[in-house]
N, C-alpha and C. Protein backbone atom coordinates (compact mmCIF):
# COMPACT_ATOMS: atom_id res chain seq x y z
N MET A 1 98.76 -73.51 45.60
CA MET A 1 97.20 -74.96 45.88
C MET A 1 97.21 -75.73 44.69
N PRO A 2 96.83 -76.78 44.84
CA PRO A 2 96.70 -77.60 43.82
C PRO A 2 94.86 -77.04 43.00
N ALA A 3 95.16 -76.93 41.62
CA ALA A 3 93.99 -77.04 40.96
C ALA A 3 93.14 -78.13 41.30
N THR A 4 91.89 -77.41 41.40
CA THR A 4 90.95 -78.45 41.77
C THR A 4 89.99 -78.98 39.95
N ASP A 5 90.14 -78.03 39.34
CA ASP A 5 89.79 -78.56 37.59
C ASP A 5 90.85 -78.34 36.51
N GLN A 6 91.41 -79.77 36.39
CA GLN A 6 92.76 -79.79 35.31
C GLN A 6 91.77 -80.07 34.36
N PRO A 7 92.93 -79.37 33.45
CA PRO A 7 92.58 -79.56 31.92
C PRO A 7 92.07 -81.25 31.45
N PRO A 8 92.01 -81.88 30.30
CA PRO A 8 91.69 -83.22 30.23
C PRO A 8 92.58 -83.45 29.74
N ARG A 9 93.65 -83.21 29.50
CA ARG A 9 94.97 -84.08 28.74
C ARG A 9 96.25 -84.14 29.41
N LYS A 10 96.34 -84.78 30.35
CA LYS A 10 97.96 -84.52 30.58
C LYS A 10 98.98 -85.74 30.07
N GLY A 11 99.39 -86.66 29.40
CA GLY A 11 100.09 -87.27 29.32
C GLY A 11 101.13 -86.94 28.24
N HIS A 12 100.92 -86.32 27.03
CA HIS A 12 101.92 -85.25 26.63
C HIS A 12 102.82 -84.02 27.37
N GLY A 13 102.30 -83.91 27.89
CA GLY A 13 102.89 -82.04 28.88
C GLY A 13 104.07 -82.48 28.96
N CYS A 14 104.90 -83.98 29.55
CA CYS A 14 105.92 -84.07 29.70
C CYS A 14 107.54 -83.41 29.09
N TRP A 15 107.25 -83.21 27.77
CA TRP A 15 108.56 -82.60 26.62
C TRP A 15 108.63 -80.95 27.44
N PHE A 16 107.88 -80.94 28.08
CA PHE A 16 108.28 -79.21 28.75
C PHE A 16 108.95 -79.88 29.98
N TYR A 17 107.82 -80.26 31.00
CA TYR A 17 108.20 -80.88 32.38
C TYR A 17 109.50 -81.75 32.58
N GLY A 18 109.36 -83.00 31.66
CA GLY A 18 110.83 -83.39 31.73
C GLY A 18 112.13 -83.28 31.53
N CYS A 19 112.30 -81.76 30.87
CA CYS A 19 113.15 -81.58 30.93
C CYS A 19 113.89 -81.21 32.46
N LEU A 20 113.06 -80.51 33.53
CA LEU A 20 113.49 -80.38 34.79
C LEU A 20 113.98 -81.59 35.45
N SER A 21 113.34 -82.65 35.74
CA SER A 21 113.44 -83.97 36.22
C SER A 21 114.44 -84.60 35.68
N PHE A 22 114.85 -84.49 34.47
CA PHE A 22 115.77 -85.64 33.78
C PHE A 22 117.17 -84.70 33.68
N ALA A 23 117.20 -83.12 33.93
CA ALA A 23 118.36 -82.30 34.38
C ALA A 23 118.48 -82.90 35.39
N ILE A 24 117.81 -83.02 36.24
CA ILE A 24 117.94 -82.95 37.88
C ILE A 24 118.99 -84.96 38.10
N ILE A 25 118.07 -86.00 37.67
CA ILE A 25 118.77 -87.24 37.61
C ILE A 25 120.14 -86.92 36.77
N LEU A 26 120.10 -86.61 36.20
CA LEU A 26 121.34 -86.80 35.37
C LEU A 26 122.68 -86.21 35.98
N LEU A 27 122.05 -84.91 36.56
CA LEU A 27 123.05 -84.56 37.51
C LEU A 27 123.68 -85.52 38.89
N MET A 28 123.21 -86.39 39.51
CA MET A 28 123.34 -87.00 40.07
C MET A 28 123.67 -87.94 39.36
N ALA A 29 124.00 -88.21 38.30
CA ALA A 29 124.45 -90.02 37.68
C ALA A 29 126.31 -89.09 37.44
N VAL A 30 125.78 -87.98 37.38
CA VAL A 30 127.63 -86.92 36.67
C VAL A 30 128.62 -87.23 38.42
N LEU A 31 128.01 -86.89 38.60
CA LEU A 31 128.57 -86.32 40.54
C LEU A 31 129.05 -88.00 40.99
N VAL A 32 128.11 -88.87 40.63
CA VAL A 32 128.70 -90.42 41.02
C VAL A 32 129.74 -90.84 40.26
N VAL A 33 129.77 -90.61 38.75
CA VAL A 33 131.32 -90.76 38.02
C VAL A 33 131.95 -90.18 38.23
N ILE A 34 131.87 -88.73 38.39
CA ILE A 34 133.34 -88.29 39.29
C ILE A 34 133.06 -88.87 40.38
N LEU A 35 132.83 -88.57 41.09
CA LEU A 35 133.47 -89.26 42.27
C LEU A 35 134.21 -90.69 42.55
N GLY A 36 133.68 -91.79 41.94
CA GLY A 36 134.25 -92.37 42.15
C GLY A 36 133.50 -93.56 42.53
N THR A 37 134.37 -93.98 43.59
CA THR A 37 134.41 -95.61 44.75
C THR A 37 132.87 -94.89 45.52
N ARG A 38 132.53 -96.11 45.87
CA ARG A 38 131.04 -96.10 46.36
C ARG A 38 131.21 -95.37 47.87
N TYR A 39 132.51 -95.50 48.73
CA TYR A 39 132.41 -94.97 49.85
C TYR A 39 133.10 -93.21 49.85
N TYR A 40 134.14 -93.17 48.28
CA TYR A 40 133.94 -92.00 48.53
C TYR A 40 132.59 -90.84 48.03
N VAL A 41 131.90 -91.45 47.45
CA VAL A 41 130.52 -90.87 47.06
C VAL A 41 130.02 -90.50 48.21
N ARG A 42 129.33 -91.30 49.20
CA ARG A 42 128.80 -91.81 50.33
C ARG A 42 129.47 -90.66 51.70
N ARG A 43 130.92 -90.45 51.62
CA ARG A 43 131.23 -89.62 52.09
C ARG A 43 131.39 -88.53 51.90
N THR A 44 131.30 -88.10 50.48
CA THR A 44 131.38 -86.66 49.86
C THR A 44 129.82 -86.66 50.18
N ILE A 45 128.57 -86.71 49.39
CA ILE A 45 127.52 -86.81 49.79
C ILE A 45 126.88 -86.03 51.61
N ILE A 46 127.65 -87.45 51.87
CA ILE A 46 127.32 -86.73 53.39
C ILE A 46 127.45 -85.29 53.71
N ARG A 47 129.05 -84.95 53.60
CA ARG A 47 129.44 -83.34 53.55
C ARG A 47 128.25 -82.81 53.08
N TYR A 48 127.56 -82.83 51.79
CA TYR A 48 127.07 -81.73 51.65
C TYR A 48 125.74 -82.26 51.55
N SER A 49 125.44 -82.98 52.19
CA SER A 49 123.81 -82.98 52.55
C SER A 49 123.12 -82.51 53.75
N ASP A 50 122.34 -82.56 53.76
CA ASP A 50 121.38 -82.27 55.61
C ASP A 50 120.68 -83.58 56.29
N THR A 51 120.39 -83.74 57.20
CA THR A 51 119.70 -84.57 57.37
C THR A 51 118.08 -83.77 57.26
N ALA A 52 117.76 -82.80 57.34
CA ALA A 52 116.44 -82.41 57.28
C ALA A 52 116.01 -81.53 55.73
N PRO A 53 115.21 -81.93 55.51
CA PRO A 53 114.58 -80.77 54.02
C PRO A 53 114.74 -79.30 54.35
N MET A 54 115.15 -78.30 53.14
CA MET A 54 115.32 -76.73 53.40
C MET A 54 113.40 -76.84 53.33
N SER A 55 113.33 -75.58 53.94
CA SER A 55 112.19 -74.89 53.46
C SER A 55 112.08 -74.12 52.20
N LEU A 56 111.44 -74.13 50.71
CA LEU A 56 111.27 -73.40 49.79
C LEU A 56 109.99 -72.44 49.81
N PRO A 57 110.00 -71.77 49.15
CA PRO A 57 109.57 -70.64 49.27
C PRO A 57 107.63 -71.20 48.70
N LYS A 58 106.63 -70.95 48.26
CA LYS A 58 105.26 -71.34 47.55
C LYS A 58 104.56 -70.06 47.24
N VAL A 59 104.39 -70.71 46.09
CA VAL A 59 103.56 -69.46 45.22
C VAL A 59 102.02 -70.23 45.17
N GLU A 60 100.98 -69.58 45.67
CA GLU A 60 99.77 -69.19 45.97
C GLU A 60 99.04 -68.95 44.68
N ALA A 61 97.80 -69.44 44.42
CA ALA A 61 97.21 -69.01 43.08
C ALA A 61 96.01 -69.96 43.31
N SER A 62 94.96 -69.15 42.48
CA SER A 62 93.11 -69.33 42.43
C SER A 62 93.29 -70.74 41.61
N ALA A 63 92.41 -71.19 41.64
CA ALA A 63 92.45 -72.76 40.60
C ALA A 63 91.83 -72.43 39.07
N SER A 64 91.35 -71.46 39.06
CA SER A 64 91.42 -70.67 37.69
C SER A 64 92.74 -70.18 36.93
N GLN A 65 93.54 -69.67 38.02
CA GLN A 65 94.98 -68.51 37.51
C GLN A 65 95.43 -70.47 37.44
N ILE A 66 95.53 -71.46 37.78
CA ILE A 66 96.16 -72.39 37.76
C ILE A 66 95.72 -72.59 36.09
N LYS A 67 94.75 -72.87 36.14
CA LYS A 67 94.13 -73.56 34.80
C LYS A 67 94.52 -72.57 33.88
N SER A 68 94.80 -71.46 34.01
CA SER A 68 94.71 -70.53 32.36
C SER A 68 95.99 -71.04 31.90
N ILE A 69 97.31 -71.19 33.19
CA ILE A 69 98.63 -71.67 32.52
C ILE A 69 98.48 -73.08 31.98
N GLN A 70 98.19 -74.02 32.70
CA GLN A 70 98.08 -75.25 31.91
C GLN A 70 97.28 -75.22 30.74
N GLU A 71 96.15 -74.45 30.59
CA GLU A 71 95.76 -73.81 29.30
C GLU A 71 95.97 -73.70 28.15
N ARG A 72 97.55 -72.50 28.30
CA ARG A 72 98.01 -71.93 27.35
C ARG A 72 98.83 -72.90 26.91
N LEU A 73 99.95 -73.80 27.94
CA LEU A 73 100.84 -74.49 27.59
C LEU A 73 100.23 -75.76 26.60
N GLU A 74 99.18 -75.77 27.39
CA GLU A 74 98.24 -76.71 26.17
C GLU A 74 98.11 -76.68 24.56
N GLU A 75 97.42 -75.49 24.54
CA GLU A 75 96.94 -74.70 23.67
C GLU A 75 98.19 -74.65 22.64
N PHE A 76 99.36 -74.26 23.29
CA PHE A 76 100.96 -74.51 22.78
C PHE A 76 101.36 -75.58 22.05
N ARG A 77 101.10 -76.56 22.87
CA ARG A 77 101.57 -77.66 22.55
C ARG A 77 100.47 -78.01 21.18
N LYS A 78 99.04 -78.11 21.04
CA LYS A 78 98.26 -78.72 19.86
C LYS A 78 98.45 -78.10 18.95
N ALA A 79 98.79 -76.62 19.33
CA ALA A 79 99.27 -76.25 17.67
C ALA A 79 100.69 -76.65 17.30
N ILE A 80 101.38 -77.14 17.71
CA ILE A 80 102.60 -76.96 17.14
C ILE A 80 102.66 -78.91 16.31
N GLU A 81 101.96 -79.29 17.26
CA GLU A 81 101.78 -80.90 16.97
C GLU A 81 101.32 -80.80 16.08
N SER A 82 100.39 -80.13 15.75
CA SER A 82 99.03 -80.01 14.66
C SER A 82 99.46 -79.49 13.22
N GLY A 83 100.74 -78.58 13.53
CA GLY A 83 100.88 -77.84 12.66
C GLY A 83 100.73 -76.38 12.14
N ARG A 84 99.84 -75.64 13.18
CA ARG A 84 99.27 -74.38 13.10
C ARG A 84 100.62 -73.48 13.60
N ARG A 85 100.30 -72.64 13.16
CA ARG A 85 101.32 -71.27 13.38
C ARG A 85 100.54 -71.17 15.09
N ALA A 86 101.89 -70.94 15.61
CA ALA A 86 101.21 -70.90 17.23
C ALA A 86 101.92 -69.49 17.72
N ASP A 87 101.68 -68.68 18.44
CA ASP A 87 102.28 -67.90 19.20
C ASP A 87 103.12 -68.42 20.28
N GLU A 88 103.87 -67.28 20.30
CA GLU A 88 105.26 -67.42 21.44
C GLU A 88 104.53 -67.46 22.86
N LEU A 89 105.17 -68.44 23.36
CA LEU A 89 104.86 -68.84 24.72
C LEU A 89 105.86 -68.44 26.10
N GLU A 90 105.35 -67.59 27.06
CA GLU A 90 106.17 -66.68 27.49
C GLU A 90 105.17 -67.43 28.93
N LEU A 91 106.48 -67.51 29.64
CA LEU A 91 106.28 -68.15 31.68
C LEU A 91 107.45 -67.43 32.15
N ASP A 92 106.55 -66.52 33.33
CA ASP A 92 107.51 -66.26 33.94
C ASP A 92 107.71 -66.98 35.20
N GLU A 93 108.60 -66.84 36.45
CA GLU A 93 108.94 -67.66 37.13
C GLU A 93 108.18 -68.23 38.17
N THR A 94 106.80 -67.32 37.88
CA THR A 94 105.72 -67.94 39.38
C THR A 94 104.71 -68.92 38.48
N GLY A 95 104.59 -68.74 36.68
CA GLY A 95 103.77 -69.37 35.95
C GLY A 95 104.36 -70.69 36.17
N ILE A 96 105.93 -71.07 35.95
CA ILE A 96 106.61 -72.24 36.14
C ILE A 96 106.75 -72.85 37.39
N ASN A 97 106.69 -72.47 38.62
CA ASN A 97 106.83 -72.72 39.83
C ASN A 97 105.35 -73.59 39.86
N LEU A 98 103.75 -72.91 39.26
CA LEU A 98 102.66 -73.28 39.06
C LEU A 98 102.16 -74.35 38.32
N LEU A 99 103.45 -74.77 37.75
CA LEU A 99 103.03 -75.81 36.59
C LEU A 99 103.96 -77.02 37.19
N ILE A 100 104.70 -76.63 37.86
CA ILE A 100 105.80 -77.41 38.68
C ILE A 100 104.82 -78.70 39.84
N ALA A 101 103.98 -77.35 40.53
CA ALA A 101 103.50 -77.73 41.78
C ALA A 101 102.11 -78.42 41.30
N ASN A 102 101.95 -78.35 39.76
CA ASN A 102 100.59 -79.50 40.34
C ASN A 102 100.28 -80.19 38.29
N ALA A 103 101.20 -80.25 37.71
CA ALA A 103 101.92 -80.99 37.30
C ALA A 103 101.63 -82.51 37.63
N PRO A 104 101.09 -84.24 37.07
CA PRO A 104 100.98 -84.96 37.32
C PRO A 104 102.64 -85.43 36.85
N GLU A 105 103.39 -85.21 36.17
CA GLU A 105 104.39 -85.47 35.80
C GLU A 105 105.76 -85.15 36.87
N LEU A 106 105.12 -84.16 37.64
CA LEU A 106 106.48 -83.83 38.60
C LEU A 106 105.84 -83.73 39.95
N GLN A 107 104.64 -84.60 40.36
CA GLN A 107 104.73 -84.73 41.59
C GLN A 107 105.62 -84.84 42.70
N GLN A 108 106.48 -85.79 42.32
CA GLN A 108 108.04 -86.07 43.27
C GLN A 108 108.76 -84.92 43.28
N LEU A 109 108.74 -83.73 42.39
CA LEU A 109 109.58 -82.81 42.60
C LEU A 109 108.68 -81.39 43.86
N ALA A 110 107.42 -81.69 43.61
CA ALA A 110 106.46 -80.49 43.93
C ALA A 110 107.05 -80.31 45.55
N ASP A 111 107.27 -78.97 45.76
CA ASP A 111 107.48 -78.65 46.92
C ASP A 111 109.15 -79.09 47.13
N LYS A 112 110.01 -79.60 46.42
CA LYS A 112 111.84 -79.60 46.57
C LYS A 112 112.02 -78.95 45.59
N VAL A 113 111.28 -77.76 44.05
CA VAL A 113 112.28 -77.71 43.52
C VAL A 113 111.52 -76.19 43.32
N HIS A 114 112.09 -74.78 43.61
CA HIS A 114 111.69 -73.39 43.21
C HIS A 114 112.31 -72.97 42.31
N ILE A 115 112.08 -72.51 41.16
CA ILE A 115 112.74 -71.71 39.95
C ILE A 115 112.58 -70.41 40.55
N ALA A 116 113.62 -69.79 39.90
CA ALA A 116 113.57 -67.80 39.91
C ALA A 116 114.62 -67.48 38.58
N ILE A 117 114.08 -66.74 37.80
CA ILE A 117 114.52 -66.82 36.98
C ILE A 117 115.42 -64.78 36.83
N GLU A 118 116.74 -64.66 36.72
CA GLU A 118 117.48 -64.04 36.66
C GLU A 118 118.20 -63.52 35.48
N GLY A 119 117.75 -62.15 34.83
CA GLY A 119 118.71 -62.42 33.63
C GLY A 119 118.60 -63.23 32.36
N ASP A 120 119.53 -64.05 32.08
CA ASP A 120 119.36 -65.28 31.02
C ASP A 120 119.77 -66.40 31.98
N GLN A 121 119.62 -66.12 33.28
CA GLN A 121 119.76 -67.74 33.95
C GLN A 121 118.43 -68.11 34.68
N ILE A 122 117.97 -69.31 34.52
CA ILE A 122 117.33 -69.60 35.59
C ILE A 122 117.80 -70.40 36.72
N LYS A 123 117.44 -69.54 37.69
CA LYS A 123 117.81 -70.69 39.34
C LYS A 123 116.89 -71.66 39.74
N ALA A 124 117.37 -72.27 40.31
CA ALA A 124 116.61 -73.63 41.27
C ALA A 124 117.58 -73.88 42.61
N GLN A 125 116.18 -73.17 43.69
CA GLN A 125 116.15 -74.16 44.81
C GLN A 125 115.94 -75.40 45.29
N ILE A 126 116.90 -76.64 45.85
CA ILE A 126 116.08 -77.99 45.62
C ILE A 126 116.59 -77.99 47.11
N SER A 127 115.67 -79.27 47.39
CA SER A 127 115.82 -79.41 48.49
C SER A 127 115.53 -81.53 48.10
N LEU A 128 115.41 -81.96 47.59
CA LEU A 128 115.88 -83.53 47.69
C LEU A 128 116.04 -84.63 48.66
N PRO A 129 114.87 -85.30 48.60
CA PRO A 129 115.35 -86.23 49.52
C PRO A 129 115.98 -87.70 48.71
N LEU A 130 117.64 -87.80 49.63
CA LEU A 130 118.40 -88.75 48.74
C LEU A 130 118.06 -90.31 48.96
N ASP A 131 116.94 -90.35 49.14
CA ASP A 131 116.12 -92.12 49.25
C ASP A 131 115.64 -92.72 47.65
N ARG A 132 115.09 -90.92 47.23
CA ARG A 132 114.51 -91.29 45.79
C ARG A 132 115.35 -91.60 44.84
N PHE A 133 116.76 -91.98 44.52
CA PHE A 133 117.46 -91.58 43.78
C PHE A 133 118.36 -93.37 43.52
N PRO A 134 117.87 -93.91 42.65
CA PRO A 134 118.50 -95.29 42.45
C PRO A 134 120.50 -95.45 42.46
N LEU A 135 120.89 -94.55 41.84
CA LEU A 135 122.46 -94.07 42.29
C LEU A 135 122.86 -93.92 43.16
N ILE A 136 121.83 -92.86 43.98
CA ILE A 136 122.43 -92.67 45.71
C ILE A 136 121.43 -92.81 46.42
N SER A 137 121.43 -94.15 47.08
CA SER A 137 120.25 -94.38 48.16
C SER A 137 120.46 -93.66 49.57
N MET A 138 120.33 -93.06 50.25
CA MET A 138 120.95 -92.39 50.96
C MET A 138 119.41 -91.83 52.24
N PRO A 139 118.46 -92.79 52.66
CA PRO A 139 117.21 -92.55 53.44
C PRO A 139 117.56 -91.64 54.88
N GLY A 140 117.19 -90.38 54.74
CA GLY A 140 117.28 -89.99 55.87
C GLY A 140 118.20 -88.43 55.73
N ARG A 141 118.69 -88.23 54.50
CA ARG A 141 119.59 -87.30 54.42
C ARG A 141 119.16 -86.74 52.72
N TYR A 142 119.18 -85.12 52.69
CA TYR A 142 118.77 -83.96 51.83
C TYR A 142 119.60 -83.58 51.52
N LEU A 143 119.54 -83.27 49.58
CA LEU A 143 120.21 -82.31 49.05
C LEU A 143 119.73 -80.69 48.72
N ASN A 144 120.29 -80.16 49.94
CA ASN A 144 119.61 -78.48 50.00
C ASN A 144 120.60 -77.99 48.94
N GLY A 145 120.19 -77.09 48.30
CA GLY A 145 121.09 -76.09 47.44
C GLY A 145 120.33 -75.34 46.42
N SER A 146 121.35 -75.09 45.50
CA SER A 146 120.93 -73.69 44.53
C SER A 146 121.67 -74.17 43.29
N ALA A 147 121.00 -73.67 42.13
CA ALA A 147 121.77 -73.99 40.78
C ALA A 147 121.51 -72.82 39.74
N ALA A 148 122.42 -72.50 38.82
CA ALA A 148 122.18 -71.58 37.80
C ALA A 148 122.28 -72.42 37.02
N LEU A 149 121.53 -72.30 35.79
CA LEU A 149 120.90 -72.76 34.48
C LEU A 149 121.51 -71.98 33.24
N LYS A 150 122.07 -72.12 32.62
CA LYS A 150 121.26 -71.68 31.33
C LYS A 150 121.09 -72.36 30.26
N VAL A 151 119.37 -72.28 29.19
CA VAL A 151 119.21 -73.26 28.88
C VAL A 151 118.24 -71.90 26.82
N SER A 152 119.46 -73.20 25.99
CA SER A 152 118.95 -72.72 24.82
C SER A 152 118.54 -73.86 23.91
N LEU A 153 118.15 -73.84 22.89
CA LEU A 153 117.31 -74.89 21.75
C LEU A 153 118.49 -74.17 20.27
N LYS A 154 118.63 -74.91 19.43
CA LYS A 154 119.14 -74.51 18.25
C LYS A 154 118.63 -75.80 17.16
N ASN A 155 118.36 -75.62 16.16
CA ASN A 155 118.14 -77.50 15.24
C ASN A 155 117.43 -78.17 16.12
N GLY A 156 116.82 -77.95 17.12
CA GLY A 156 115.46 -78.79 17.73
C GLY A 156 116.42 -79.17 18.76
N LEU A 157 117.55 -78.90 18.94
CA LEU A 157 118.20 -79.89 20.23
C LEU A 157 118.64 -78.54 21.08
N PRO A 158 118.07 -79.37 22.49
CA PRO A 158 118.14 -78.32 23.81
C PRO A 158 119.13 -78.44 24.19
N THR A 159 119.90 -77.04 24.98
CA THR A 159 121.19 -77.73 25.45
C THR A 159 120.22 -76.62 27.35
N VAL A 160 120.83 -77.45 28.13
CA VAL A 160 120.82 -76.93 29.27
C VAL A 160 122.22 -77.27 29.96
N VAL A 161 122.97 -75.88 30.83
CA VAL A 161 124.30 -76.05 31.34
C VAL A 161 124.41 -75.59 32.68
N LEU A 162 125.31 -76.07 33.54
CA LEU A 162 124.98 -75.47 34.52
C LEU A 162 126.00 -75.14 35.05
N ASP A 163 125.74 -73.59 35.46
CA ASP A 163 126.50 -72.31 35.57
C ASP A 163 127.18 -72.34 36.98
N SER A 164 126.27 -72.87 38.08
CA SER A 164 127.08 -72.81 38.97
C SER A 164 126.09 -73.88 40.10
N LEU A 165 126.49 -74.24 41.62
CA LEU A 165 125.90 -75.03 42.15
C LEU A 165 126.68 -74.66 43.60
N GLU A 166 125.33 -74.70 44.78
CA GLU A 166 125.72 -74.69 45.87
C GLU A 166 125.23 -75.72 46.48
N LEU A 167 125.97 -76.51 47.39
CA LEU A 167 125.08 -77.83 48.28
C LEU A 167 125.52 -77.29 49.54
N LYS A 168 124.17 -76.96 50.44
CA LYS A 168 125.13 -77.17 51.96
C LYS A 168 125.54 -75.76 52.07
N GLY A 169 125.14 -74.52 51.04
CA GLY A 169 125.87 -73.47 51.69
C GLY A 169 127.14 -73.58 51.21
N GLU A 170 127.16 -74.50 49.95
CA GLU A 170 128.98 -74.20 50.38
C GLU A 170 129.48 -74.76 48.66
N LYS A 171 130.28 -74.28 48.05
CA LYS A 171 130.33 -74.34 46.67
C LYS A 171 131.47 -75.79 46.15
N LEU A 172 130.97 -76.52 45.66
CA LEU A 172 131.61 -77.70 44.93
C LEU A 172 133.00 -77.22 44.69
N PRO A 173 134.02 -78.68 44.88
CA PRO A 173 135.07 -78.48 44.26
C PRO A 173 135.38 -77.90 43.20
N ASP A 174 136.81 -76.92 42.47
CA ASP A 174 136.49 -76.73 41.20
C ASP A 174 136.25 -77.68 40.15
N HIS A 175 137.40 -79.50 40.46
CA HIS A 175 137.20 -80.31 39.42
C HIS A 175 135.45 -80.88 39.56
N ILE A 176 135.07 -80.99 40.40
CA ILE A 176 134.08 -81.69 40.52
C ILE A 176 132.89 -80.62 39.58
N MET A 177 132.93 -79.10 39.77
CA MET A 177 132.13 -78.04 39.04
C MET A 177 132.28 -78.11 37.36
N SER A 178 133.83 -78.06 37.18
CA SER A 178 134.38 -77.82 36.06
C SER A 178 134.26 -79.34 35.08
N ALA A 179 133.85 -80.64 35.51
CA ALA A 179 132.95 -81.71 34.80
C ALA A 179 131.22 -81.44 34.58
N LEU A 180 130.55 -80.94 35.64
CA LEU A 180 129.79 -80.80 35.48
C LEU A 180 129.40 -79.33 34.46
N ARG A 181 130.22 -78.33 34.42
CA ARG A 181 129.87 -77.45 33.45
C ARG A 181 129.85 -78.03 32.16
N GLY A 182 130.48 -79.31 32.01
CA GLY A 182 130.60 -79.41 30.70
C GLY A 182 129.69 -80.61 29.78
N GLN A 183 128.60 -80.70 30.75
CA GLN A 183 127.01 -81.57 30.87
C GLN A 183 126.19 -80.69 30.01
N ASN A 184 125.92 -81.61 28.79
CA ASN A 184 124.71 -80.90 28.07
C ASN A 184 123.65 -81.74 29.11
N LEU A 185 122.92 -81.34 30.48
CA LEU A 185 121.81 -81.47 31.08
C LEU A 185 120.98 -82.26 30.19
N ALA A 186 120.55 -81.76 29.21
CA ALA A 186 119.54 -82.30 28.06
C ALA A 186 119.78 -82.80 27.23
N ARG A 187 121.00 -83.30 26.98
CA ARG A 187 121.55 -84.16 26.24
C ARG A 187 120.69 -85.27 25.68
N ASP A 188 120.12 -86.60 26.77
CA ASP A 188 119.42 -87.44 26.14
C ASP A 188 117.60 -87.18 26.22
N LEU A 189 117.52 -85.62 25.91
CA LEU A 189 116.10 -85.24 26.02
C LEU A 189 115.47 -85.70 24.74
N SER A 190 116.12 -85.89 23.61
CA SER A 190 115.71 -85.83 22.11
C SER A 190 115.12 -87.41 22.28
N ASN A 191 115.78 -88.64 22.62
CA ASN A 191 115.77 -90.08 22.75
C ASN A 191 114.54 -90.12 22.44
N SER A 192 113.76 -89.43 23.12
CA SER A 192 112.03 -90.21 23.11
C SER A 192 111.23 -89.49 21.56
N PRO A 193 110.93 -90.14 20.66
CA PRO A 193 110.36 -89.47 19.65
C PRO A 193 109.31 -88.33 19.54
N GLN A 194 108.26 -88.78 20.62
CA GLN A 194 107.90 -87.87 20.95
C GLN A 194 108.03 -86.05 20.86
N THR A 195 108.81 -86.37 22.03
CA THR A 195 109.70 -84.91 22.50
C THR A 195 110.67 -84.69 21.36
N ALA A 196 111.49 -85.61 21.30
CA ALA A 196 112.04 -85.05 19.63
C ALA A 196 111.14 -84.48 18.52
N ASN A 197 110.08 -84.86 18.18
CA ASN A 197 108.73 -84.23 17.48
C ASN A 197 108.90 -82.83 17.68
N ILE A 198 108.20 -82.91 18.73
CA ILE A 198 108.11 -81.30 19.31
C ILE A 198 108.95 -80.71 19.45
N LEU A 199 110.43 -80.94 19.23
CA LEU A 199 111.44 -79.85 19.75
C LEU A 199 112.23 -79.63 18.33
N ARG A 200 111.57 -81.00 17.23
CA ARG A 200 111.77 -79.82 15.49
C ARG A 200 111.48 -78.90 15.21
N ARG A 201 110.01 -78.66 15.97
CA ARG A 201 108.48 -77.84 15.89
C ARG A 201 109.25 -76.57 15.80
N LEU A 202 110.33 -76.35 17.44
CA LEU A 202 110.40 -74.93 18.18
C LEU A 202 111.48 -73.89 17.21
N GLU A 203 111.01 -73.13 17.15
CA GLU A 203 112.70 -72.05 16.46
C GLU A 203 113.44 -71.79 17.57
N SER A 204 113.59 -71.70 18.91
CA SER A 204 114.05 -71.42 19.90
C SER A 204 113.78 -71.08 21.42
N ILE A 205 114.14 -71.70 22.27
CA ILE A 205 113.80 -71.48 24.47
C ILE A 205 114.83 -69.98 24.79
N GLU A 206 114.36 -69.08 24.33
CA GLU A 206 115.47 -68.02 25.16
C GLU A 206 114.91 -67.80 26.98
N VAL A 207 116.00 -67.53 27.56
CA VAL A 207 115.42 -66.82 28.52
C VAL A 207 115.75 -65.26 28.63
N ASN A 208 115.19 -64.53 29.10
CA ASN A 208 115.08 -62.71 28.89
C ASN A 208 114.02 -62.31 30.13
N ASP A 209 114.61 -61.48 30.96
CA ASP A 209 113.72 -60.49 31.10
C ASP A 209 112.94 -61.23 32.09
N GLY A 210 113.17 -61.88 33.09
CA GLY A 210 112.50 -62.65 33.77
C GLY A 210 111.57 -63.51 33.28
N LYS A 211 111.72 -64.05 31.87
CA LYS A 211 111.07 -65.01 31.05
C LYS A 211 111.62 -65.99 30.74
N ILE A 212 110.62 -67.37 30.14
CA ILE A 212 111.50 -68.55 29.92
C ILE A 212 110.03 -68.10 27.71
N ILE A 213 110.96 -67.78 27.36
CA ILE A 213 109.96 -67.19 25.72
C ILE A 213 110.32 -68.31 25.18
N ILE A 214 109.46 -69.04 24.28
CA ILE A 214 109.39 -70.48 24.07
C ILE A 214 108.85 -70.27 22.54
N ARG A 215 109.02 -70.29 20.99
CA ARG A 215 108.78 -69.86 19.68
C ARG A 215 109.08 -70.89 19.50
N ALA A 216 107.71 -71.55 18.02
CA ALA A 216 107.51 -72.11 17.79
C ALA A 216 108.29 -72.07 15.91
N ALA A 217 108.60 -73.20 15.06
CA ALA A 217 108.86 -72.25 13.94
C ALA A 217 107.26 -72.24 13.02
N ASN A 218 107.96 -71.29 12.18
CA ASN A 218 107.55 -71.46 10.97
C ASN A 218 106.54 -72.79 10.67
N PRO A 219 105.10 -72.91 10.72
CA PRO A 219 105.08 -74.75 10.19
C PRO A 219 105.46 -74.40 8.62
N GLU A 220 105.57 -73.18 7.78
CA GLU A 220 104.73 -72.79 6.18
C GLU A 220 106.68 -73.21 5.72
N ALA A 221 107.52 -73.33 6.90
CA ALA A 221 108.86 -73.52 6.10
C ALA A 221 109.14 -75.00 6.17
N GLU A 222 108.08 -75.93 7.34
CA GLU A 222 108.25 -77.30 7.16
C GLU A 222 107.86 -78.19 5.83
N ARG A 223 107.42 -77.09 5.08
CA ARG A 223 106.90 -78.13 3.89
C ARG A 223 107.20 -77.80 2.92
């Protein structure tokens, strides 16, 4: 449920939240490019979409629990932006889903994305209305499915790679999946100077043992 007591600042939180929304939008763009003509795009989307949204798991928490998670993220951000040493930030799938559900930057994705972590993969269940995407506007249809993603960061450059994708219970054709697997879904995330500045101050992003672990670089090494 939404928190009633929000932390004071939200504007810079996009560096974390933006990766998910950007990946989904880029994924749609890649599909359009691969499928080609508008007629074929619409026909294929109809095949892999539904006329009703899919029910996704909901994560419940108290306002104080939500605030605690948001404050941990905020403290981590403030530490790396100010050049202070920051403890590593660990987020399990419950924490990630609570952040998504309560982040103003991701209100359009609240109740439409649910994250699970299995091994070194992030698995996302999605139920997205297709009237919200400028590249494929199809009111009354929903993209329901699941995706497995691998996430890493090296030299300040994030990589988000699609490992598998099912829509409407079906796997996509091999030629589409082959093209999608070759895309870094976070390739343009560093185009924002603010986001790039924060990413440069991270040592690593690791997905392991049911958690996303974000480690800050040693600020002394940058001086």
